[in-house]
PDB file of N, CA and C in Angstrom:
ATOM      1  N   GLN A   1     -66.821   6.012 -14.604  1.00  0.00           N
ATOM      2  CA  GLN A   1     -67.716   5.174 -13.658  1.00  0.00           C
ATOM      3  C   GLN A   1     -66.826   4.119 -12.900  1.00  0.00           C
ATOM      4  N   ARG A   2     -65.964   3.693 -13.615  1.00  0.00           N
ATOM      5  CA  ARG A   2     -65.152   2.624 -12.467  1.00  0.00           C
ATOM      6  C   ARG A   2     -64.447   3.425 -11.884  1.00  0.00           C
ATOM      7  N   LYS A   3     -63.971   4.372 -11.937  1.00  0.00           N
ATOM      8  CA  LYS A   3     -63.079   5.198 -10.594  1.00  0.00           C
ATOM      9  C   LYS A   3     -63.876   5.538  -9.523  1.00  0.00           C
ATOM     10  N   ASN A   4     -65.353   5.758  -9.965  1.00  0.00           N
ATOM     11  CA  ASN A   4     -66.078   6.567  -9.050  1.00  0.00           C
ATOM     12  C   ASN A   4     -66.437   5.542  -7.633  1.00  0.00           C
ATOM     13  N   PRO A   5     -65.669   5.859  -6.241  1.00  0.00           N
ATOM     14  CA  PRO A   5     -66.568   5.414  -5.516  1.00  0.00           C
ATOM     15  C   PRO A   5     -67.655   5.552  -5.066  1.00  0.00           C
ATOM     16  N   PHE A   6     -68.729   6.247  -5.353  1.00  0.00           N
ATOM     17  CA  PHE A   6     -69.705   6.028  -5.119  1.00  0.00           C
ATOM     18  C   PHE A   6     -70.712   4.853  -6.277  1.00  0.00           C
ATOM     19  N   SER A   7     -70.081   4.683  -7.297  1.00  0.00           N
ATOM     20  CA  SER A   7     -70.725   3.960  -8.289  1.00  0.00           C
ATOM     21  C   SER A   7     -71.379   2.967  -8.098  1.00  0.00           C
ATOM     22  N   SER A   8     -71.998   1.580  -7.646  1.00  0.00           N
ATOM     23  CA  SER A   8     -72.049   0.541  -7.061  1.00  0.00           C
ATOM     24  C   SER A   8     -72.335  -0.220  -8.857  1.00  0.00           C
ATOM     25  N   ASN A   9     -71.956   0.208  -9.790  1.00  0.00           N
ATOM     26  CA  ASN A   9     -72.416  -0.612 -11.115  1.00  0.00           C
ATOM     27  C   ASN A   9     -71.074  -1.543 -10.822  1.00  0.00           C
ATOM     28  N   ASP A  10     -71.661  -3.105 -10.893  1.00  0.00           N
ATOM     29  CA  ASP A  10     -70.944  -4.015 -10.789  1.00  0.00           C
ATOM     30  C   ASP A  10     -70.668  -4.406 -12.382  1.00  0.00           C
ATOM     31  N   ARG A  11     -71.335  -4.323 -13.207  1.00  0.00           N
ATOM     32  CA  ARG A  11     -71.046  -4.958 -14.459  1.00  0.00           C
ATOM     33  C   ARG A  11     -69.617  -3.712 -14.915  1.00  0.00           C
ATOM     34  N   LEU A  12     -69.351  -2.423 -14.617  1.00  0.00           N
ATOM     35  CA  LEU A  12     -68.434  -1.805 -15.142  1.00  0.00           C
ATOM     36  C   LEU A  12     -67.261  -2.239 -14.000  1.00  0.00           C
ATOM     37  N   ALA A  13     -67.353  -2.478 -13.294  1.00  0.00           N
ATOM     38  CA  ALA A  13     -66.134  -3.006 -11.811  1.00  0.00           C
ATOM     39  C   ALA A  13     -65.691  -3.903 -12.537  1.00  0.00           C
ATOM     40  N   ALA A  14     -66.441  -5.165 -13.613  1.00  0.00           N
ATOM     41  CA  ALA A  14     -65.708  -6.225 -13.937  1.00  0.00           C
ATOM     42  C   ALA A  14     -65.126  -6.402 -15.058  1.00  0.00           C
ATOM     43  N   LYS A  15     -65.182  -4.788 -15.540  1.00  0.00           N
ATOM     44  CA  LYS A  15     -65.074  -4.729 -17.272  1.00  0.00           C
ATOM     45  C   LYS A  15     -63.500  -4.774 -16.921  1.00  0.00           C
ATOM     46  N   PRO A  16     -62.760  -5.117 -18.081  1.00  0.00           N
ATOM     47  CA  PRO A  16     -60.967  -4.995 -17.909  1.00  0.00           C
ATOM     48  C   PRO A  16     -61.037  -3.764 -18.344  1.00  0.00           C
ATOM     49  N   GLY A  17     -59.328  -2.600 -17.908  1.00  0.00           N
ATOM     50  CA  GLY A  17     -59.506  -1.209 -18.164  1.00  0.00           C
ATOM     51  C   GLY A  17     -58.276  -1.758 -19.501  1.00  0.00           C
ATOM     52  N   HIS A  18     -58.364  -0.726 -20.444  1.00  0.00           N
ATOM     53  CA  HIS A  18     -57.831  -0.513 -21.499  1.00  0.00           C
ATOM     54  C   HIS A  18     -56.388  -0.604 -21.292  1.00  0.00           C
ATOM     55  N   ALA A  19     -56.031  -1.577 -22.670  1.00  0.00           N
ATOM     56  CA  ALA A  19     -54.503  -1.751 -23.261  1.00  0.00           C
ATOM     57  C   ALA A  19     -53.906  -0.542 -23.547  1.00  0.00           C
ATOM     58  N   HIS A  20     -52.315  -0.161 -22.789  1.00  0.00           N
ATOM     59  CA  HIS A  20     -51.721   0.688 -22.848  1.00  0.00           C
ATOM     60  C   HIS A  20     -50.465   0.077 -24.157  1.00  0.00           C
ATOM     61  N   ARG A  21     -49.884   1.389 -24.589  1.00  0.00           N
ATOM     62  CA  ARG A  21     -49.107   0.893 -25.745  1.00  0.00           C
ATOM     63  C   ARG A  21     -47.700   0.032 -25.197  1.00  0.00           C
ATOM     64  N   GLY A  22     -47.230  -0.810 -26.047  1.00  0.00           N
ATOM     65  CA  GLY A  22     -46.413  -2.007 -25.419  1.00  0.00           C
ATOM     66  C   GLY A  22     -47.054  -3.128 -25.278  1.00  0.00           C
ATOM     67  N   ASP A  23     -48.042  -2.849 -24.505  1.00  0.00           N
ATOM     68  CA  ASP A  23     -49.206  -4.065 -24.061  1.00  0.00           C
ATOM     69  C   ASP A  23     -49.345  -5.069 -25.169  1.00  0.00           C
ATOM     70  N   PRO A  24     -49.436  -6.356 -25.390  1.00  0.00           N
ATOM     71  CA  PRO A  24     -49.728  -7.233 -26.508  1.00  0.00           C
ATOM     72  C   PRO A  24     -50.847  -7.234 -27.180  1.00  0.00           C
ATOM     73  N   THR A  25     -51.817  -6.921 -26.311  1.00  0.00           N
ATOM     74  CA  THR A  25     -52.995  -6.796 -26.459  1.00  0.00           C
ATOM     75  C   THR A  25     -53.797  -5.458 -27.010  1.00  0.00           C
ATOM     76  N   TYR A  26     -52.865  -4.893 -27.060  1.00  0.00           N
ATOM     77  CA  TYR A  26     -53.132  -3.438 -27.469  1.00  0.00           C
ATOM     78  C   TYR A  26     -53.364  -3.337 -28.987  1.00  0.00           C
ATOM     79  N   GLY A  27     -54.537  -2.483 -28.931  1.00  0.00           N
ATOM     80  CA  GLY A  27     -54.982  -2.133 -30.396  1.00  0.00           C
ATOM     81  C   GLY A  27     -55.735  -3.598 -31.011  1.00  0.00           C
ATOM     82  N   ARG A  28     -56.367  -4.100 -30.295  1.00  0.00           N
ATOM     83  CA  ARG A  28     -56.636  -5.845 -30.607  1.00  0.00           C
ATOM     84  C   ARG A  28     -58.188  -5.811 -29.849  1.00  0.00           C
ATOM     85  N   PRO A  29     -58.852  -6.580 -30.788  1.00  0.00           N
ATOM     86  CA  PRO A  29     -60.376  -6.696 -29.607  1.00  0.00           C
ATOM     87  C   PRO A  29     -60.427  -7.693 -29.154  1.00  0.00           C
ATOM     88  N   PRO A  30     -60.660  -8.207 -27.959  1.00  0.00           N
ATOM     89  CA  PRO A  30     -61.213  -8.968 -26.803  1.00  0.00           C
ATOM     90  C   PRO A  30     -61.052 -10.501 -27.401  1.00  0.00           C
ATOM     91  N   GLU A  31     -60.342 -11.256 -27.119  1.00  0.00           N
ATOM     92  CA  GLU A  31     -60.323 -12.589 -27.411  1.00  0.00           C
ATOM     93  C   GLU A  31     -61.904 -13.665 -27.311  1.00  0.00           C
ATOM     94  N   GLY A  32     -62.067 -13.861 -28.450  1.00  0.00           N
ATOM     95  CA  GLY A  32     -63.302 -14.625 -28.534  1.00  0.00           C
ATOM     96  C   GLY A  32     -64.449 -13.615 -28.576  1.00  0.00           C
ATOM     97  N   SER A  33     -64.841 -12.559 -28.786  1.00  0.00           N
ATOM     98  CA  SER A  33     -65.410 -11.493 -29.466  1.00  0.00           C
ATOM     99  C   SER A  33     -65.918 -11.517 -30.698  1.00  0.00           C
ATOM    100  N   ARG A  34     -66.918 -10.696 -30.856  1.00  0.00           N
ATOM    101  CA  ARG A  34     -67.305 -11.151 -32.079  1.00  0.00           C
ATOM    102  C   ARG A  34     -66.406 -10.307 -33.483  1.00  0.00           C
ATOM    103  N   THR A  35     -66.141  -9.301 -32.540  1.00  0.00           N
ATOM    104  CA  THR A  35     -65.144  -8.079 -33.343  1.00  0.00           C
ATOM    105  C   THR A  35     -63.993  -8.820 -33.617  1.00  0.00           C
ATOM    106  N   GLU A  36     -63.564 -10.001 -32.773  1.00  0.00           N
ATOM    107  CA  GLU A  36     -62.093 -10.436 -33.526  1.00  0.00           C
ATOM    108  C   GLU A  36     -62.258 -11.716 -34.479  1.00  0.00           C
ATOM    109  N   GLN A  37     -63.675 -12.372 -34.722  1.00  0.00           N
ATOM    110  CA  GLN A  37     -64.193 -13.294 -35.116  1.00  0.00           C
ATOM    111  C   GLN A  37     -64.422 -12.438 -36.588  1.00  0.00           C
ATOM    112  N   ARG A  38     -64.930 -10.998 -36.576  1.00  0.00           N
ATOM    113  CA  ARG A  38     -65.572 -10.400 -37.955  1.00  0.00           C
ATOM    114  C   ARG A  38     -63.961 -10.394 -38.712  1.00  0.00           C
ATOM    115  N   GLY A  39     -63.005  -9.807 -37.671  1.00  0.00           N
ATOM    116  CA  GLY A  39     -61.455  -9.715 -38.135  1.00  0.00           C
ATOM    117  C   GLY A  39     -60.882 -10.601 -38.982  1.00  0.00           C
ATOM    118  N   LYS A  40     -60.953 -11.873 -38.350  1.00  0.00           N
ATOM    119  CA  LYS A  40     -60.288 -13.378 -39.045  1.00  0.00           C
ATOM    120  C   LYS A  40     -61.055 -13.561 -40.616  1.00  0.00           C
ATOM    121  N   ASP A  41     -62.172 -13.365 -40.139  1.00  0.00           N
ATOM    122  CA  ASP A  41     -63.312 -13.883 -41.449  1.00  0.00           C
ATOM    123  C   ASP A  41     -62.998 -12.808 -42.611  1.00  0.00           C
ATOM    124  N   ALA A  42     -62.248 -11.609 -42.197  1.00  0.00           N
ATOM    125  CA  ALA A  42     -62.296 -10.552 -43.455  1.00  0.00           C
ATOM    126  C   ALA A  42     -60.578 -10.756 -43.990  1.00  0.00           C
ATOM    127  N   HIS A  43     -59.610 -11.175 -42.719  1.00  0.00           N
ATOM    128  CA  HIS A  43     -58.562 -11.576 -43.293  1.00  0.00           C
ATOM    129  C   HIS A  43     -58.514 -12.595 -44.153  1.00  0.00           C
ATOM    130  N   SER A  44     -59.149 -13.791 -43.890  1.00  0.00           N
ATOM    131  CA  SER A  44     -59.562 -15.337 -44.647  1.00  0.00           C
ATOM    132  C   SER A  44     -59.720 -14.203 -46.112  1.00  0.00           C
ATOM    133  N   HIS A  45     -61.487 -13.978 -46.067  1.00  0.00           N
ATOM    134  CA  HIS A  45     -61.539 -13.341 -47.405  1.00  0.00           C
ATOM    135  C   HIS A  45     -60.862 -12.493 -48.397  1.00  0.00           C
ATOM    136  N   VAL A  46     -59.682 -11.842 -47.473  1.00  0.00           N
ATOM    137  CA  VAL A  46     -58.862 -11.074 -48.727  1.00  0.00           C
ATOM    138  C   VAL A  46     -57.972 -11.910 -48.745  1.00  0.00           C
ATOM    139  N   GLY A  47     -57.483 -12.776 -47.845  1.00  0.00           N
ATOM    140  CA  GLY A  47     -56.341 -13.902 -48.328  1.00  0.00           C
ATOM    141  C   GLY A  47     -57.037 -15.218 -49.831  1.00  0.00           C
ATOM    142  N   LYS A  48     -57.981 -15.153 -49.870  1.00  0.00           N
ATOM    143  CA  LYS A  48     -58.942 -15.955 -50.850  1.00  0.00           C
ATOM    144  C   LYS A  48     -58.825 -15.472 -52.604  1.00  0.00           C
ATOM    145  N   GLU A  49     -58.656 -13.545 -51.667  1.00  0.00           N
ATOM    146  CA  GLU A  49     -59.204 -13.596 -53.401  1.00  0.00           C
ATOM    147  C   GLU A  49     -57.423 -12.468 -53.686  1.00  0.00           C
ATOM    148  N   VAL A  50     -56.617 -12.809 -52.721  1.00  0.00           N
ATOM    149  CA  VAL A  50     -55.215 -12.708 -53.414  1.00  0.00           C
ATOM    150  C   VAL A  50     -54.941 -13.717 -53.974  1.00  0.00           C
ATOM    151  N   GLU A  51     -54.983 -15.023 -53.741  1.00  0.00           N
ATOM    152  CA  GLU A  51     -55.131 -16.153 -53.919  1.00  0.00           C
ATOM    153  C   GLU A  51     -55.496 -16.045 -55.804  1.00  0.00           C
ATOM    154  N   GLU A  52     -57.011 -15.815 -55.806  1.00  0.00           N
ATOM    155  CA  GLU A  52     -57.834 -15.851 -56.875  1.00  0.00           C
ATOM    156  C   GLU A  52     -56.831 -14.913 -58.165  1.00  0.00           C
ATOM    157  N   LEU A  53     -56.494 -13.616 -57.153  1.00  0.00           N
ATOM    158  CA  LEU A  53     -56.020 -13.114 -58.118  1.00  0.00           C
ATOM    159  C   LEU A  53     -54.306 -13.456 -58.696  1.00  0.00           C
ATOM    160  N   CYS A  54     -53.711 -13.949 -58.075  1.00  0.00           N
ATOM    161  CA  CYS A  54     -52.310 -15.102 -58.882  1.00  0.00           C
ATOM    162  C   CYS A  54     -52.954 -16.102 -59.713  1.00  0.00           C
ATOM    163  N   LEU A  55     -53.919 -16.826 -59.208  1.00  0.00           N
ATOM    164  CA  LEU A  55     -54.245 -17.791 -60.502  1.00  0.00           C
ATOM    165  C   LEU A  55     -54.576 -16.944 -61.720  1.00  0.00           C
ATOM    166  N   ILE A  56     -55.290 -16.103 -61.736  1.00  0.00           N
ATOM    167  CA  ILE A  56     -55.754 -15.265 -63.144  1.00  0.00           C
ATOM    168  C   ILE A  56     -54.631 -14.903 -63.584  1.00  0.00           C
ATOM    169  N   ILE A  57     -53.238 -14.192 -62.997  1.00  0.00           N
ATOM    170  CA  ILE A  57     -52.500 -13.525 -63.694  1.00  0.00           C
ATOM    171  C   ILE A  57     -51.505 -14.832 -64.215  1.00  0.00           C
ATOM    172  N   ARG A  58     -51.632 -15.745 -63.539  1.00  0.00           N
ATOM    173  CA  ARG A  58     -50.884 -17.211 -64.275  1.00  0.00           C
ATOM    174  C   ARG A  58     -51.750 -17.641 -65.468  1.00  0.00           C
ATOM    175  N   ARG A  59     -53.122 -17.483 -65.592  1.00  0.00           N
ATOM    176  CA  ARG A  59     -54.098 -17.744 -66.901  1.00  0.00           C
ATOM    177  C   ARG A  59     -53.759 -16.847 -67.916  1.00  0.00           C
ATOM    178  N   THR A  60     -53.428 -15.619 -67.322  1.00  0.00           N
ATOM    179  CA  THR A  60     -53.259 -14.576 -68.228  1.00  0.00           C
ATOM    180  C   THR A  60     -52.253 -14.213 -68.434  1.00  0.00           C
ATOM    181  N   GLY A  61     -51.141 -14.503 -68.188  1.00  0.00           N
ATOM    182  CA  GLY A  61     -49.862 -14.006 -68.659  1.00  0.00           C
ATOM    183  C   GLY A  61     -49.139 -14.756 -69.490  1.00  0.00           C
ATOM    184  N   GLN A  62     -47.711 -14.440 -69.399  1.00  0.00           N
ATOM    185  CA  GLN A  62     -46.950 -14.935 -70.253  1.00  0.00           C
ATOM    186  C   GLN A  62     -45.832 -15.756 -69.495  1.00  0.00           C
ATOM    187  N   VAL A  63     -44.998 -16.671 -69.716  1.00  0.00           N
ATOM    188  CA  VAL A  63     -43.989 -16.978 -68.614  1.00  0.00           C
ATOM    189  C   VAL A  63     -42.971 -16.568 -69.733  1.00  0.00           C
ATOM    190  N   GLY A  64     -42.091 -15.731 -68.750  1.00  0.00           N
ATOM    191  CA  GLY A  64     -40.895 -14.771 -69.548  1.00  0.00           C
ATOM    192  C   GLY A  64     -39.613 -15.615 -69.224  1.00  0.00           C
ATOM    193  N   GLU A  65     -38.725 -15.091 -70.344  1.00  0.00           N
ATOM    194  CA  GLU A  65     -37.040 -15.953 -70.197  1.00  0.00           C
ATOM    195  C   GLU A  65     -36.650 -16.480 -68.399  1.00  0.00           C
ATOM    196  N   ASP A  66     -37.244 -15.763 -67.738  1.00  0.00           N
ATOM    197  CA  ASP A  66     -36.558 -15.921 -66.222  1.00  0.00           C
ATOM    198  C   ASP A  66     -37.610 -16.774 -65.270  1.00  0.00           C
ATOM    199  N   GLY A  67     -38.418 -17.123 -65.910  1.00  0.00           N
ATOM    200  CA  GLY A  67     -39.562 -18.674 -65.584  1.00  0.00           C
ATOM    201  C   GLY A  67     -40.547 -17.894 -64.989  1.00  0.00           C
ATOM    202  N   HIS A  68     -40.682 -16.455 -64.768  1.00  0.00           N
ATOM    203  CA  HIS A  68     -41.902 -16.217 -64.077  1.00  0.00           C
ATOM    204  C   HIS A  68     -43.168 -15.604 -64.962  1.00  0.00           C
ATOM    205  N   VAL A  69     -44.271 -15.930 -64.442  1.00  0.00           N
ATOM    206  CA  VAL A  69     -45.090 -15.267 -65.172  1.00  0.00           C
ATOM    207  C   VAL A  69     -45.643 -13.098 -65.421  1.00  0.00           C
ATOM    208  N   SER A  70     -45.892 -13.147 -66.323  1.00  0.00           N
ATOM    209  CA  SER A  70     -45.446 -11.631 -66.158  1.00  0.00           C
ATOM    210  C   SER A  70     -47.138 -10.897 -66.950  1.00  0.00           C
ATOM    211  N   VAL A  71     -47.595 -10.099 -67.224  1.00  0.00           N
ATOM    212  CA  VAL A  71     -49.027  -9.687 -67.494  1.00  0.00           C
ATOM    213  C   VAL A  71     -49.022  -8.079 -67.269  1.00  0.00           C
ATOM    214  N   THR A  72     -49.839  -7.037 -68.125  1.00  0.00           N
ATOM    215  CA  THR A  72     -49.767  -5.924 -67.995  1.00  0.00           C
ATOM    216  C   THR A  72     -50.796  -5.527 -67.257  1.00  0.00           C
ATOM    217  N   PHE A  73     -50.620  -4.637 -66.126  1.00  0.00           N
ATOM    218  CA  PHE A  73     -51.762  -4.267 -66.061  1.00  0.00           C
ATOM    219  C   PHE A  73     -52.974  -3.781 -66.476  1.00  0.00           C
ATOM    220  N   GLY A  74     -52.730  -3.070 -67.828  1.00  0.00           N
ATOM    221  CA  GLY A  74     -54.183  -2.688 -68.283  1.00  0.00           C
ATOM    222  C   GLY A  74     -54.883  -4.139 -68.664  1.00  0.00           C
ATOM    223  N   GLN A  75     -54.098  -5.547 -68.987  1.00  0.00           N
ATOM    224  CA  GLN A  75     -54.852  -6.652 -69.392  1.00  0.00           C
ATOM    225  C   GLN A  75     -55.303  -7.481 -68.119  1.00  0.00           C
ATOM    226  N   LEU A  76     -54.443  -7.473 -66.953  1.00  0.00           N
ATOM    227  CA  LEU A  76     -55.137  -7.850 -65.775  1.00  0.00           C
ATOM    228  C   LEU A  76     -56.715  -7.088 -65.349  1.00  0.00           C
ATOM    229  N   PHE A  77     -56.532  -5.927 -65.288  1.00  0.00           N
ATOM    230  CA  PHE A  77     -57.477  -4.799 -64.935  1.00  0.00           C
ATOM    231  C   PHE A  77     -58.630  -5.341 -65.670  1.00  0.00           C
ATOM    232  N   GLU A  78     -58.549  -5.538 -67.076  1.00  0.00           N
ATOM    233  CA  GLU A  78     -59.716  -5.679 -67.762  1.00  0.00           C
ATOM    234  C   GLU A  78     -60.157  -7.589 -67.427  1.00  0.00           C
ATOM    235  N   THR A  79     -59.560  -8.225 -67.443  1.00  0.00           N
ATOM    236  CA  THR A  79     -60.084  -9.965 -66.989  1.00  0.00           C
ATOM    237  C   THR A  79     -60.374  -9.594 -65.343  1.00  0.00           C
ATOM    238  N   TYR A  80     -59.433  -8.759 -64.805  1.00  0.00           N
ATOM    239  CA  TYR A  80     -59.902  -9.275 -63.100  1.00  0.00           C
ATOM    240  C   TYR A  80     -61.241  -8.360 -62.937  1.00  0.00           C
ATOM    241  N   VAL A  81     -61.922  -6.970 -63.481  1.00  0.00           N
ATOM    242  CA  VAL A  81     -62.439  -6.467 -62.688  1.00  0.00           C
ATOM    243  C   VAL A  81     -63.945  -6.769 -63.157  1.00  0.00           C
ATOM    244  N   THR A  82     -63.797  -8.168 -63.749  1.00  0.00           N
ATOM    245  CA  THR A  82     -65.114  -8.614 -63.929  1.00  0.00           C
ATOM    246  C   THR A  82     -65.560  -9.227 -62.465  1.00  0.00           C
ATOM    247  N   ILE A  83     -64.140  -9.721 -61.892  1.00  0.00           N
ATOM    248  CA  ILE A  83     -64.334 -10.507 -60.523  1.00  0.00           C
ATOM    249  C   ILE A  83     -64.892  -9.994 -59.497  1.00  0.00           C
ATOM    250  N   SER A  84     -63.914  -8.808 -59.435  1.00  0.00           N
ATOM    251  CA  SER A  84     -63.907  -7.688 -58.069  1.00  0.00           C
ATOM    252  C   SER A  84     -63.740  -6.197 -58.711  1.00  0.00           C
ATOM    253  N   ASN A  85     -64.216  -5.420 -57.618  1.00  0.00           N
ATOM    254  CA  ASN A  85     -63.626  -4.042 -58.374  1.00  0.00           C
ATOM    255  C   ASN A  85     -62.520  -3.503 -57.618  1.00  0.00           C
ATOM    256  N   LYS A  86     -61.794  -4.623 -56.699  1.00  0.00           N
ATOM    257  CA  LYS A  86     -60.797  -4.431 -56.003  1.00  0.00           C
ATOM    258  C   LYS A  86     -59.323  -4.573 -56.392  1.00  0.00           C
ATOM    259  N   VAL A  87     -59.278  -4.412 -58.106  1.00  0.00           N
ATOM    260  CA  VAL A  87     -57.654  -4.547 -58.407  1.00  0.00           C
ATOM    261  C   VAL A  87     -56.439  -4.449 -58.055  1.00  0.00           C
ATOM    262  N   VAL A  88     -56.795  -3.029 -57.552  1.00  0.00           N
ATOM    263  CA  VAL A  88     -55.456  -2.432 -57.104  1.00  0.00           C
ATOM    264  C   VAL A  88     -55.013  -2.792 -55.386  1.00  0.00           C
ATOM    265  N   GLY A  89     -56.098  -2.740 -54.795  1.00  0.00           N
ATOM    266  CA  GLY A  89     -56.060  -2.849 -53.291  1.00  0.00           C
ATOM    267  C   GLY A  89     -55.305  -4.441 -53.329  1.00  0.00           C
ATOM    268  N   ILE A  90     -56.091  -5.584 -53.922  1.00  0.00           N
ATOM    269  CA  ILE A  90     -55.490  -7.146 -53.810  1.00  0.00           C
ATOM    270  C   ILE A  90     -53.924  -6.989 -54.423  1.00  0.00           C
ATOM    271  N   LEU A  91     -53.849  -5.878 -55.602  1.00  0.00           N
ATOM    272  CA  LEU A  91     -52.506  -6.636 -56.052  1.00  0.00           C
ATOM    273  C   LEU A  91     -51.511  -5.397 -54.998  1.00  0.00           C
ATOM    274  N   LEU A  92     -52.079  -4.465 -54.131  1.00  0.00           N
ATOM    275  CA  LEU A  92     -50.925  -4.225 -53.148  1.00  0.00           C
ATOM    276  C   LEU A  92     -50.960  -4.944 -51.773  1.00  0.00           C
ATOM    277  N   ARG A  93     -51.613  -5.821 -51.894  1.00  0.00           N
ATOM    278  CA  ARG A  93     -51.654  -6.511 -50.679  1.00  0.00           C
ATOM    279  C   ARG A  93     -50.876  -7.635 -51.015  1.00  0.00           C
ATOM    280  N   ALA A  94     -51.205  -8.416 -52.767  1.00  0.00           N
ATOM    281  CA  ALA A  94     -49.941  -9.343 -52.820  1.00  0.00           C
ATOM    282  C   ALA A  94     -48.611  -8.978 -52.876  1.00  0.00           C
ATOM    283  N   ARG A  95     -48.501  -7.812 -53.068  1.00  0.00           N
ATOM    284  CA  ARG A  95     -47.023  -6.962 -53.366  1.00  0.00           C
ATOM    285  C   ARG A  95     -46.397  -7.102 -51.490  1.00  0.00           C
ATOM    286  N   LYS A  96     -47.608  -6.731 -50.914  1.00  0.00           N
ATOM    287  CA  LYS A  96     -47.254  -7.266 -49.495  1.00  0.00           C
ATOM    288  C   LYS A  96     -46.418  -8.117 -48.834  1.00  0.00           C
ATOM    289  N   HIS A  97     -47.046  -9.095 -49.266  1.00  0.00           N
ATOM    290  CA  HIS A  97     -46.769 -10.497 -49.166  1.00  0.00           C
ATOM    291  C   HIS A  97     -45.810 -11.553 -49.936  1.00  0.00           C
ATOM    292  N   GLY A  98     -45.150 -10.416 -51.198  1.00  0.00           N
ATOM    293  CA  GLY A  98     -44.212 -10.779 -51.886  1.00  0.00           C
ATOM    294  C   GLY A  98     -44.449 -12.018 -52.829  1.00  0.00           C
ATOM    295  N   LEU A  99     -45.525 -11.833 -53.052  1.00  0.00           N
ATOM    296  CA  LEU A  99     -45.967 -12.683 -54.374  1.00  0.00           C
ATOM    297  C   LEU A  99     -45.903 -12.093 -55.634  1.00  0.00           C
ATOM    298  N   VAL A 100     -46.457 -10.570 -55.528  1.00  0.00           N
ATOM    299  CA  VAL A 100     -46.121 -10.374 -57.081  1.00  0.00           C
ATOM    300  C   VAL A 100     -44.993  -8.831 -57.124  1.00  0.00           C
ATOM    301  N   HIS A 101     -45.250  -8.335 -57.787  1.00  0.00           N
ATOM    302  CA  HIS A 101     -43.791  -6.926 -58.134  1.00  0.00           C
ATOM    303  C   HIS A 101     -44.174  -6.624 -59.460  1.00  0.00           C
ATOM    304  N   PHE A 102     -44.494  -5.184 -59.013  1.00  0.00           N
ATOM    305  CA  PHE A 102     -44.626  -4.376 -59.751  1.00  0.00           C
ATOM    306  C   PHE A 102     -43.861  -2.709 -59.794  1.00  0.00           C
ATOM    307  N   GLU A 103     -43.257  -2.158 -60.502  1.00  0.00           N
ATOM    308  CA  GLU A 103     -42.680  -0.793 -60.358  1.00  0.00           C
ATOM    309  C   GLU A 103     -43.753   0.258 -60.155  1.00  0.00           C
ATOM    310  N   GLY A 104     -43.532   1.210 -59.304  1.00  0.00           N
ATOM    311  CA  GLY A 104     -44.494   2.197 -58.557  1.00  0.00           C
ATOM    312  C   GLY A 104     -44.997   2.096 -57.656  1.00  0.00           C
ATOM    313  N   GLU A 105     -45.762   2.927 -56.755  1.00  0.00           N
ATOM    314  CA  GLU A 105     -46.128   3.140 -55.455  1.00  0.00           C
ATOM    315  C   GLU A 105     -47.502   2.247 -55.352  1.00  0.00           C
ATOM    316  N   MET A 106     -48.006   2.744 -56.989  1.00  0.00           N
ATOM    317  CA  MET A 106     -49.970   2.514 -56.992  1.00  0.00           C
ATOM    318  C   MET A 106     -49.906   2.725 -58.265  1.00  0.00           C
ATOM    319  N   LEU A 107     -51.116   1.999 -58.864  1.00  0.00           N
ATOM    320  CA  LEU A 107     -51.500   1.820 -60.164  1.00  0.00           C
ATOM    321  C   LEU A 107     -52.645   2.589 -60.520  1.00  0.00           C
ATOM    322  N   TRP A 108     -52.770   2.916 -61.479  1.00  0.00           N
ATOM    323  CA  TRP A 108     -53.828   3.654 -62.128  1.00  0.00           C
ATOM    324  C   TRP A 108     -54.334   3.193 -63.563  1.00  0.00           C
ATOM    325  N   GLN A 109     -55.777   2.988 -63.592  1.00  0.00           N
ATOM    326  CA  GLN A 109     -56.272   2.625 -64.686  1.00  0.00           C
ATOM    327  C   GLN A 109     -56.159   3.835 -65.787  1.00  0.00           C
ATOM    328  N   GLY A 110     -55.580   3.270 -67.465  1.00  0.00           N
ATOM    329  CA  GLY A 110     -54.991   4.072 -68.443  1.00  0.00           C
ATOM    330  C   GLY A 110     -53.753   4.877 -68.426  1.00  0.00           C
ATOM    331  N   LYS A 111     -53.362   5.481 -67.543  1.00  0.00           N
ATOM    332  CA  LYS A 111     -52.012   5.864 -67.215  1.00  0.00           C
ATOM    333  C   LYS A 111     -50.924   4.913 -66.984  1.00  0.00           C
ATOM    334  N   ASP A 112     -51.464   3.776 -65.855  1.00  0.00           N
ATOM    335  CA  ASP A 112     -50.157   2.681 -65.780  1.00  0.00           C
ATOM    336  C   ASP A 112     -50.759   1.384 -66.374  1.00  0.00           C
ATOM    337  N   ASP A 113     -51.520   1.665 -67.395  1.00  0.00           N
ATOM    338  CA  ASP A 113     -51.704  -0.029 -68.259  1.00  0.00           C
ATOM    339  C   ASP A 113     -50.730  -1.074 -68.959  1.00  0.00           C
ATOM    340  N   ASP A 114     -49.591  -0.089 -68.971  1.00  0.00           N
ATOM    341  CA  ASP A 114     -48.672  -0.588 -69.705  1.00  0.00           C
ATOM    342  C   ASP A 114     -47.271  -1.073 -68.581  1.00  0.00           C
ATOM    343  N   VAL A 115     -47.550  -1.237 -67.421  1.00  0.00           N
ATOM    344  CA  VAL A 115     -46.952  -1.796 -65.997  1.00  0.00           C
ATOM    345  C   VAL A 115     -46.970  -3.250 -66.241  1.00  0.00           C
ATOM    346  N   VAL A 116     -45.667  -3.571 -66.028  1.00  0.00           N
ATOM    347  CA  VAL A 116     -45.622  -4.930 -65.805  1.00  0.00           C
ATOM    348  C   VAL A 116     -45.848  -5.674 -64.685  1.00  0.00           C
ATOM    349  N   ILE A 117     -46.678  -6.435 -64.528  1.00  0.00           N
ATOM    350  CA  ILE A 117     -46.994  -7.269 -62.796  1.00  0.00           C
ATOM    351  C   ILE A 117     -46.449  -8.586 -63.268  1.00  0.00           C
ATOM    352  N   THR A 118     -45.439  -9.073 -62.459  1.00  0.00           N
ATOM    353  CA  THR A 118     -44.699 -10.388 -62.474  1.00  0.00           C
ATOM    354  C   THR A 118     -45.204 -11.389 -61.281  1.00  0.00           C
ATOM    355  N   LEU A 119     -45.194 -12.484 -61.255  1.00  0.00           N
ATOM    356  CA  LEU A 119     -45.952 -13.206 -60.034  1.00  0.00           C
ATOM    357  C   LEU A 119     -44.742 -14.137 -60.059  1.00  0.00           C
ATOM    358  N   LEU A 120     -44.497 -13.581 -58.238  1.00  0.00           N
ATOM    359  CA  LEU A 120     -43.059 -14.579 -58.066  1.00  0.00           C
ATOM    360  C   LEU A 120     -43.452 -15.951 -57.444  1.00  0.00           C
TER     361      LEU A 120
END
């Protein structure tokens, strides 16, 4: 309707067009929108869960010769699953931010219980 010369809807004419690839606003919600605020709130919530996971690792793990705290996935899973059922997702986020290290792409309960997770 925005391109229709016979449309008299001012609301559509005032609405900005879609951003294209390469534009810094591409793929982002409009500034000040409720969608943007929900995204910021979700990002903050996940950050707090990552911090809590690191604290759990520090509390339940053991300090190794290199000075880093390590815990097995099985032990961490049993401890953290009572807090949140998103253990693996939070671990992946923590690894993405360089806070923890573990071998493998994904961790599976039972199969990867002996995988060592190191707090960096």
